[in-house]
Protein backbone atom coordinates (compact mmCIF):
# COMPACT_ATOMS: atom_id res chain seq x y z
CA MET A 1 -21.52 53.81 3.56
CA ASN A 2 -17.62 53.94 1.97
CA LEU A 3 -15.88 51.09 3.48
CA ASP A 4 -12.28 51.56 3.82
CA VAL A 5 -9.51 50.50 5.41
CA ASN A 6 -9.62 52.64 8.44
CA THR A 7 -13.12 51.80 8.42
CA LEU A 8 -12.68 48.42 8.41
CA PHE A 9 -9.83 48.01 10.78
CA LEU A 10 -12.13 50.36 13.54
CA VAL A 11 -15.12 47.71 12.80
CA THR A 12 -12.36 44.71 13.57
CA ILE A 13 -11.09 46.04 16.43
CA TYR A 14 -14.32 45.65 18.16
CA VAL A 15 -15.68 42.63 16.15
CA GLU A 16 -12.50 40.48 17.38
CA ALA A 17 -13.38 42.38 21.20
CA ILE A 18 -16.54 41.61 21.05
CA LEU A 19 -15.98 38.12 20.33
CA GLY A 20 -13.44 37.80 22.70
CA LEU A 21 -15.40 38.07 25.06
CA LEU A 22 -18.58 35.85 24.43
CA LEU A 23 -15.87 32.86 24.15
CA LEU A 24 -14.64 33.71 27.48
CA PHE A 25 -18.65 34.00 28.69
CA ALA A 26 -18.97 30.29 27.08
CA TRP A 27 -15.86 28.95 28.81
CA ALA A 28 -17.57 29.89 32.25
CA GLN A 29 -20.10 28.69 31.57
CA ASN A 30 -18.62 25.12 30.69
CA MET A 31 -15.13 25.49 32.38
CA ALA A 32 -14.49 21.19 31.45
CA ILE A 33 -13.18 22.42 27.68
CA ARG A 34 -9.98 24.92 28.61
CA ALA A 35 -9.48 25.09 24.64
CA VAL A 36 -12.72 27.95 24.28
CA ALA A 37 -10.58 30.83 27.28
CA TRP A 38 -7.43 29.78 24.76
CA TRP A 39 -9.43 30.53 22.17
CA GLY A 40 -10.79 33.89 23.59
CA PHE A 41 -7.47 35.42 24.76
CA ALA A 42 -6.73 34.98 21.24
CA HIS A 43 -9.36 37.53 19.43
CA LEU A 44 -8.38 40.13 22.59
CA ILE A 45 -4.88 40.35 21.54
CA ARG A 46 -5.23 40.07 18.15
CA ALA A 47 -7.73 43.03 18.81
CA ALA A 48 -5.24 44.58 20.99
CA SER A 49 -2.68 44.01 17.95
CA ILE A 50 -5.15 46.38 15.36
CA VAL A 51 -4.95 48.55 18.22
CA LEU A 52 -1.17 49.29 17.90
CA PHE A 53 -1.53 48.87 13.72
CA GLY A 54 -3.82 51.85 13.97
CA MET A 55 -1.42 53.88 15.36
CA TYR A 56 0.36 53.80 12.69
CA GLY A 57 1.90 57.73 12.31
CA SER A 58 1.46 58.76 15.32
CA ALA A 59 3.69 56.60 18.14
CA PRO A 60 7.03 54.49 17.09
CA ASP A 61 7.07 51.94 14.17
CA PHE A 62 8.72 49.67 17.10
CA ILE A 63 5.13 49.88 18.64
CA THR A 64 2.47 50.09 15.36
CA ILE A 65 4.81 47.80 13.17
CA ASP A 66 7.34 45.16 15.86
CA LEU A 67 5.01 45.17 19.04
CA ALA A 68 1.78 44.91 16.54
CA ASN A 69 3.08 42.36 14.38
CA SER A 70 4.56 40.55 17.81
CA LEU A 71 0.88 40.22 19.10
CA LEU A 72 -0.79 39.47 16.01
CA PHE A 73 1.32 36.07 16.37
CA THR A 74 1.18 35.44 19.49
CA ALA A 75 -2.38 35.35 18.92
CA PHE A 76 -2.34 33.02 16.36
CA ALA A 77 -0.04 30.62 18.42
CA ILE A 78 -2.73 30.93 21.14
CA THR A 79 -5.56 29.83 18.79
CA TRP A 80 -3.07 26.96 17.44
CA THR A 81 -2.52 25.35 21.32
CA GLY A 82 -6.47 25.98 21.97
CA ALA A 83 -6.52 23.73 19.16
CA ARG A 84 -4.14 21.37 20.78
CA VAL A 85 -5.85 21.65 23.79
CA PHE A 86 -8.80 20.40 22.79
CA ASP A 87 -7.57 17.26 21.72
CA GLY A 88 -5.58 16.89 24.61
CA ARG A 89 -2.58 17.51 24.03
CA PRO A 90 0.20 19.36 25.85
CA VAL A 91 0.89 22.96 25.57
CA GLU A 92 4.55 23.82 23.82
CA PRO A 93 4.58 27.54 25.94
CA VAL A 94 8.34 28.01 23.58
CA TYR A 95 6.29 27.40 20.24
CA LEU A 96 3.73 29.89 21.55
CA VAL A 97 6.62 32.70 22.01
CA THR A 98 8.12 31.70 18.41
CA GLY A 99 6.53 33.12 15.77
CA ALA A 100 6.70 36.78 17.61
CA VAL A 101 10.62 36.14 18.93
CA LEU A 102 11.41 35.42 15.37
CA TRP A 103 9.86 38.80 13.80
CA LEU A 104 11.36 40.84 17.00
CA LEU A 105 14.87 39.77 15.35
CA VAL A 106 14.67 39.37 12.00
CA SER A 107 12.97 42.61 11.94
CA ARG A 108 16.10 44.22 13.74
CA LEU A 109 18.15 42.90 10.36
CA PRO A 110 20.02 46.07 8.97
CA ALA A 111 19.25 43.82 5.39
CA LEU A 112 15.64 43.71 6.21
CA THR A 113 15.02 47.52 7.66
CA ASP A 114 13.76 49.11 4.53
CA ALA A 115 12.88 45.44 2.84
CA ILE A 116 9.11 46.09 3.34
CA GLU A 117 8.06 43.44 0.83
CA ALA A 118 10.55 40.79 2.92
CA ARG A 119 9.16 42.02 6.22
CA SER A 120 5.67 41.71 4.90
CA LEU A 121 6.44 38.19 3.23
CA ILE A 122 7.92 37.04 6.60
CA ALA A 123 5.23 38.00 8.74
CA SER A 124 2.92 36.28 6.61
CA GLY A 125 4.75 32.97 6.37
CA ILE A 126 4.90 33.20 10.09
CA ILE A 127 0.32 33.61 9.96
CA THR A 128 0.37 30.79 7.89
CA THR A 129 2.75 28.63 9.51
CA TYR A 130 0.19 29.26 13.25
CA THR A 131 -2.82 29.21 10.79
CA TRP A 132 -1.87 25.78 8.74
CA LEU A 133 -0.68 23.94 12.35
CA THR A 134 -4.25 24.70 13.68
CA ALA A 135 -6.17 23.28 11.03
CA TRP A 136 -3.36 20.00 11.41
CA GLU A 137 -4.32 19.66 14.96
CA PHE A 138 -7.86 19.63 13.87
CA TRP A 139 -7.07 17.04 11.02
CA ARG A 140 -5.45 14.59 13.44
CA GLY A 141 -8.16 14.78 15.37
CA ARG A 142 -10.59 13.68 12.97
CA LYS A 143 -11.86 10.62 14.36
CA GLU A 144 -13.77 12.31 16.91
CA GLN A 145 -17.12 11.85 15.10
CA LEU A 146 -17.69 16.56 15.13
CA VAL A 147 -19.25 17.76 12.21
CA SER A 148 -18.12 20.89 12.67
CA ARG A 149 -14.73 19.93 12.74
CA TRP A 150 -14.24 19.87 8.89
CA PRO A 151 -15.22 23.53 8.06
CA ALA A 152 -13.13 24.77 10.80
CA ILE A 153 -10.32 22.78 8.82
CA PHE A 154 -11.51 23.93 5.25
CA MET A 155 -11.59 27.37 6.52
CA LEU A 156 -8.13 27.26 7.89
CA PHE A 157 -6.61 26.02 5.34
CA ALA A 158 -7.65 28.08 2.91
CA HIS A 159 -7.10 31.45 5.14
CA GLY A 160 -3.74 30.46 5.70
CA ALA A 161 -3.44 30.24 1.77
CA LEU A 162 -4.86 33.71 1.63
CA PHE A 163 -2.00 34.90 3.75
CA LEU A 164 0.63 33.32 2.86
CA LEU A 165 0.09 34.59 -1.21
CA ARG A 166 -1.31 37.52 -0.03
CA THR A 167 2.40 40.12 -0.89
CA PRO A 168 3.20 38.27 -4.37
CA MET A 169 -0.31 38.71 -5.37
CA VAL A 170 0.00 42.85 -4.40
CA ALA A 171 3.61 42.71 -5.65
CA MET A 172 2.13 41.38 -9.11
CA LEU A 173 -0.77 44.34 -9.52
CA PRO A 174 -0.04 46.94 -11.32
CA PHE A 175 0.12 49.07 -8.12
CA SER A 176 1.35 52.44 -8.56
CA MET A 177 1.04 56.41 -6.13
CA THR A 178 -1.17 58.14 -9.29
CA ALA A 179 -3.23 55.56 -11.73
CA ASP A 180 -3.70 52.77 -10.16
CA LYS A 181 -3.84 54.14 -6.36
CA MET A 182 -7.56 52.92 -6.34
CA PHE A 183 -7.31 49.56 -7.40
CA GLY A 184 -4.48 49.30 -4.37
CA SER A 185 -6.92 50.54 -2.26
CA VAL A 186 -10.14 48.26 -2.99
CA TRP A 187 -7.43 45.88 -3.03
CA LEU A 188 -6.50 45.88 0.32
CA THR A 189 -9.85 46.86 1.09
CA VAL A 190 -10.56 43.32 0.20
CA LEU A 191 -8.17 41.54 1.87
CA SER A 192 -9.18 43.55 5.20
CA PHE A 193 -13.17 42.55 4.86
CA GLU A 194 -11.85 38.81 4.15
CA ALA A 195 -9.62 39.10 7.50
CA LEU A 196 -12.89 39.91 9.42
CA LEU A 197 -15.56 37.51 7.87
CA PHE A 198 -12.63 34.74 8.61
CA THR A 199 -12.46 35.79 12.25
CA ILE A 200 -15.99 35.67 12.51
CA SER A 201 -17.12 32.88 10.93
CA ILE A 202 -14.00 30.82 12.81
CA ALA A 203 -15.44 32.09 16.34
CA PHE A 204 -18.63 30.85 15.80
CA ILE A 205 -17.01 28.15 14.08
CA LEU A 206 -14.95 26.93 17.41
CA LEU A 207 -17.66 27.98 19.64
CA ALA A 208 -19.77 25.15 17.31
CA MET A 209 -17.40 22.76 18.52
CA ALA A 210 -16.98 23.03 22.04
CA LYS A 211 -20.85 23.05 21.77
CA GLU A 212 -21.53 19.63 20.09
CA ARG A 213 -18.58 17.86 21.87
CA THR A 214 -20.37 18.73 25.48
CA GLU A 215 -23.43 17.45 23.62
CA LEU A 216 -21.50 14.23 22.36
CA ARG A 217 -19.97 13.30 25.77
CA HIS A 218 -23.79 13.45 27.84
CA ARG A 219 -25.34 11.11 24.43
CA THR A 220 -21.69 8.89 25.26
CA ALA A 221 -22.35 9.23 29.03
CA ALA A 222 -26.24 7.81 28.36
CA MET A 223 -24.96 5.06 25.95
CA VAL A 224 -21.56 4.04 26.78
CA ASP A 225 -21.21 1.85 30.13
CA PRO A 226 -18.72 4.14 31.72
CA LEU A 227 -16.11 1.13 33.60
CA THR A 228 -15.38 -0.53 30.01
CA GLY A 229 -15.96 1.88 27.44
CA ILE A 230 -18.41 -0.51 25.38
CA ALA A 231 -22.64 0.19 24.42
CA ASN A 232 -24.43 -0.40 28.03
CA ARG A 233 -27.78 -2.20 27.94
CA ARG A 234 -29.66 0.78 27.12
CA ALA A 235 -27.89 1.15 23.37
CA PHE A 236 -26.75 -2.39 23.00
CA LEU A 237 -30.47 -3.16 22.83
CA HIS A 238 -31.02 -0.04 20.66
CA ASP A 239 -27.99 -0.97 17.77
CA ALA A 240 -29.28 -4.51 18.10
CA ALA A 241 -32.83 -3.37 17.60
CA GLU A 242 -31.34 -1.45 14.14
CA MET A 243 -29.56 -4.52 12.83
CA ALA A 244 -32.51 -6.52 12.95
CA LYS A 245 -34.24 -3.68 11.04
CA ARG A 246 -31.51 -3.79 7.99
CA HIS A 247 -32.16 -8.07 8.89
CA ILE A 248 -35.31 -7.61 7.06
CA ALA A 249 -34.16 -5.86 3.86
CA ASN A 250 -30.78 -8.12 3.69
CA PRO A 251 -31.71 -10.80 5.97
CA ARG A 252 -27.82 -12.86 6.83
CA PRO A 253 -27.35 -15.61 9.47
CA ALA A 254 -26.23 -14.40 13.00
CA ALA A 255 -25.54 -15.49 16.50
CA VAL A 256 -26.08 -14.04 19.66
CA MET A 257 -24.01 -14.91 23.18
CA LEU A 258 -24.44 -13.97 26.71
CA VAL A 259 -21.36 -14.17 28.57
CA ASP A 260 -20.69 -14.80 32.34
CA LEU A 261 -17.93 -13.93 34.34
CA ASP A 262 -18.08 -17.47 36.88
CA HIS A 263 -17.82 -16.29 40.06
CA PHE A 264 -17.58 -12.97 39.93
CA LYS A 265 -19.09 -12.20 43.99
CA THR A 266 -16.50 -14.59 45.29
CA ILE A 267 -13.56 -12.44 43.33
CA ASN A 268 -15.35 -9.30 45.02
CA ASP A 269 -14.96 -10.29 47.69
CA ARG A 270 -11.73 -12.01 48.06
CA PHE A 271 -9.55 -9.35 46.09
CA GLY A 272 -12.57 -6.34 46.45
CA HIS A 273 -14.22 -4.52 43.93
CA ALA A 274 -11.26 -2.21 42.90
CA ILE A 275 -9.63 -5.79 41.24
CA GLY A 276 -13.27 -7.19 40.12
CA ASP A 277 -13.40 -3.89 38.16
CA ARG A 278 -10.29 -5.09 36.69
CA VAL A 279 -10.78 -8.23 35.48
CA LEU A 280 -14.17 -6.68 34.06
CA GLU A 281 -12.38 -4.81 31.89
CA VAL A 282 -9.93 -7.42 31.21
CA PHE A 283 -12.64 -9.42 29.82
CA THR A 284 -14.30 -6.26 27.47
CA ALA A 285 -10.43 -6.22 25.60
CA THR A 286 -10.40 -9.42 25.41
CA ALA A 287 -13.92 -9.82 24.02
CA THR A 288 -13.39 -7.02 21.54
CA LYS A 289 -10.44 -8.49 20.41
CA THR A 290 -12.17 -11.54 19.31
CA ILE A 291 -14.93 -10.20 17.43
CA ARG A 292 -14.67 -8.09 14.36
CA PRO A 293 -15.57 -4.24 14.22
CA SER A 294 -18.88 -4.91 12.56
CA ASP A 295 -19.66 -7.11 15.08
CA LEU A 296 -22.06 -5.37 18.71
CA ILE A 297 -21.09 -6.12 21.97
CA GLY A 298 -22.55 -4.61 25.05
CA ARG A 299 -23.06 -5.07 28.92
CA ILE A 300 -26.34 -5.40 30.34
CA GLY A 301 -25.76 -6.34 33.42
CA GLY A 302 -23.18 -6.22 36.80
CA GLU A 303 -21.25 -9.11 34.92
CA GLU A 304 -23.36 -9.84 32.05
CA PHE A 305 -22.38 -9.20 29.00
CA ALA A 306 -24.01 -9.95 25.02
CA ALA A 307 -22.55 -9.71 21.76
CA VAL A 308 -24.71 -10.05 18.42
CA LEU A 309 -22.57 -11.15 15.67
CA TYR A 310 -24.20 -10.61 12.17
CA ASP A 311 -23.21 -12.89 8.81
CA ILE A 312 -21.46 -16.15 10.21
CA LYS A 313 -22.03 -19.73 10.73
CA SER A 314 -22.87 -21.27 13.27
CA VAL A 315 -19.63 -23.71 13.77
CA GLU A 316 -17.63 -20.10 13.17
CA ALA A 317 -19.57 -18.48 15.90
CA VAL A 318 -18.84 -21.51 18.15
CA ALA A 319 -15.26 -20.60 17.27
CA VAL A 320 -15.45 -17.30 18.71
CA ALA A 321 -17.04 -18.08 21.67
CA GLU A 322 -14.78 -20.89 22.30
CA ARG A 323 -11.69 -18.41 21.61
CA MET A 324 -13.33 -15.38 23.55
CA ARG A 325 -13.33 -18.15 26.69
CA GLU A 326 -9.78 -19.36 26.46
CA THR A 327 -8.70 -16.23 26.45
CA PHE A 328 -9.45 -14.52 29.01
CA ALA A 329 -9.17 -17.82 31.20
CA HIS A 330 -5.41 -17.01 30.37
CA VAL A 331 -5.22 -13.43 30.65
CA ALA A 332 -7.25 -13.35 33.63
CA GLN A 333 -4.95 -16.49 35.61
CA SER A 334 -3.32 -12.80 37.47
CA VAL A 335 -4.82 -9.25 37.16
CA ASP A 336 -2.78 -6.62 38.87
CA GLY A 337 -0.73 -9.27 40.43
CA ARG A 338 -3.07 -11.19 42.43
CA PRO A 339 -4.15 -14.88 41.35
CA VAL A 340 -7.63 -14.35 40.26
CA ASN A 341 -8.47 -17.08 37.92
CA ALA A 342 -11.50 -15.83 36.38
CA THR A 343 -13.03 -17.62 33.17
CA VAL A 344 -16.72 -16.96 31.62
CA SER A 345 -19.26 -19.40 30.67
CA ILE A 346 -21.18 -18.47 27.49
CA GLY A 347 -24.32 -19.19 25.94
CA VAL A 348 -24.79 -19.37 21.95
CA VAL A 349 -28.05 -19.49 19.70
CA HIS A 350 -27.66 -19.28 15.99
CA CYS A 351 -30.44 -17.86 14.06
CA ASP A 352 -30.78 -18.38 10.18
CA GLY A 353 -34.25 -17.07 9.39
CA ASP A 354 -35.77 -13.58 7.76
CA VAL A 355 -36.67 -12.63 11.40
CA LEU A 356 -33.66 -11.32 13.94
CA ASP A 357 -35.65 -11.44 16.86
CA ILE A 358 -33.54 -10.17 19.20
CA ALA A 359 -34.91 -10.73 22.63
CA GLU A 360 -36.03 -14.04 22.10
CA LEU A 361 -32.62 -14.98 20.67
CA LEU A 362 -31.16 -13.38 24.26
CA SER A 363 -33.93 -15.87 25.92
CA GLN A 364 -32.70 -18.78 23.92
CA ALA A 365 -29.07 -17.87 25.18
CA ASP A 366 -30.05 -17.35 28.44
CA HIS A 367 -30.93 -21.33 28.34
CA ALA A 368 -27.83 -22.03 26.71
CA LEU A 369 -25.64 -19.43 29.75
CA TYR A 370 -27.71 -22.02 32.25
CA PHE A 371 -26.53 -25.01 31.44
CA ALA A 372 -22.87 -24.15 30.69
CA LYS A 373 -23.41 -23.00 34.81
CA GLU A 374 -24.79 -25.94 35.35
CA ASN A 375 -21.92 -28.21 33.68
CA GLY A 376 -19.17 -27.01 35.45
CA ARG A 377 -18.70 -23.14 34.67
CA ASN A 378 -16.07 -21.85 31.77
CA ARG A 379 -17.81 -23.55 28.77
CA VAL A 380 -20.05 -22.95 26.01
CA GLU A 381 -22.89 -23.94 25.34
CA VAL A 382 -25.22 -24.06 21.94
CA ALA A 383 -28.81 -22.87 22.60
CA SER A 384 -31.48 -26.12 21.18
CA LEU A 385 -34.60 -27.50 21.48
CA GLU A 386 -34.19 -30.04 23.43
CA MET A 387 -31.73 -28.22 25.93
CA MET A 388 -34.97 -25.68 26.69
CA LEU A 389 -37.46 -28.72 27.39
CA LYS A 390 -35.09 -29.57 29.97
CA ARG A 391 -34.97 -26.44 31.89
CA ASN A 392 -38.10 -25.80 31.17
CA ASP A 393 -39.02 -29.35 33.05
CA ASP A 394 -36.73 -28.18 35.69
CA ALA A 395 -38.12 -25.53 36.26
CA MET A 396 -41.41 -27.44 36.79
CA GLY A 397 -39.81 -30.12 38.72
CA PRO A 398 -41.72 -33.49 40.23
CA LEU A 399 -44.35 -33.96 42.09
CA ALA A 400 -43.00 -34.22 46.21
CA GLY A 401 -43.31 -36.75 47.81
CA PRO A 402 -43.69 -37.36 51.23
CA ASP A 403 -40.38 -38.23 52.52
CA GLN A 404 -39.14 -34.37 50.00
CA ILE A 405 -42.08 -32.75 52.02
CA GLN A 406 -40.67 -33.98 55.73
CA ALA A 407 -36.68 -33.92 54.78
CA SER A 408 -37.52 -30.09 53.28
CA ALA A 409 -39.35 -29.50 56.86
CA ALA A 410 -36.47 -31.16 58.72
């Protein structure tokens, strides 16, 4: 089969149209990711532009060159807009048509009417600009852990560079309409084939990005507390268990904190659940700023939080807990204009052994939290053996005498 430029044009039209419809179908299955719809329409518009290019010689140049290029530039602009929408940035309507309008204005200039190489270079520059802008948008959103984002950035940058260089590269080739005609035709075929491979590859990569984000959000929803944005109980215990495994290979001193908001039910009753939720958010913001990025924190109950501080001395852990308590008491005096005066009680336990038993440490921190509550709240207590023995004795209680039985019956 002779894979000439005309054959590639025809194949590219079908491929662009099919990919556009495929992306629109994928968007219809999950309309939450609107960027997929933008990318689908971009492929369909690109297919329309190629149809107009293919009519060269049988239709006016304004349709087969000027209008066809305008649609092509708009398609790349829509792809760039889709990248902005994908990462939550606003649509820029003006820039959607900037390339097309610029081309129509420039192509009307008398000096460029017959300057084919200059017009080709301008067209390539517009396409490269939109392609690199798309790569830049994906680069800006790289904090989101999407593996498929990186091949998209690479391919967009490489394709834009090739588009920018194709005009000077063709100009440097020893091309003539006689002896080297075959070589020029082969070069144009290679460029057209690269464009076809790019449009197929980028469509599937963009679709993979959308699918990967959906899966990531589902995993996040299962592991993140929706109100505070930190780990829920399941995620916290999972991450703490992973930390305990790493601790076996490289034991370091660690501390576990158990935090409970004081009189939280009263806050909800007095000010409403909306203010109660805001108090939880305020505490979360305070706590995450107090601990280090390498430490773990999670919401393990309604108003109960836990944290694991790794590679930290006992004195330092208590200082962190005190700073957390004091800072929260200060910032939570007034929440959304309401005199809430919220405080927290914190139980701390330190471990410098070879085994990091998270369940046992949480239990000991719970003993310390109990005494923080018993001793007046808004305080930090450090777990000790005497403390646990005393609580066990309190739980057992003395044997009830006759007077106590009568008083209890009354």
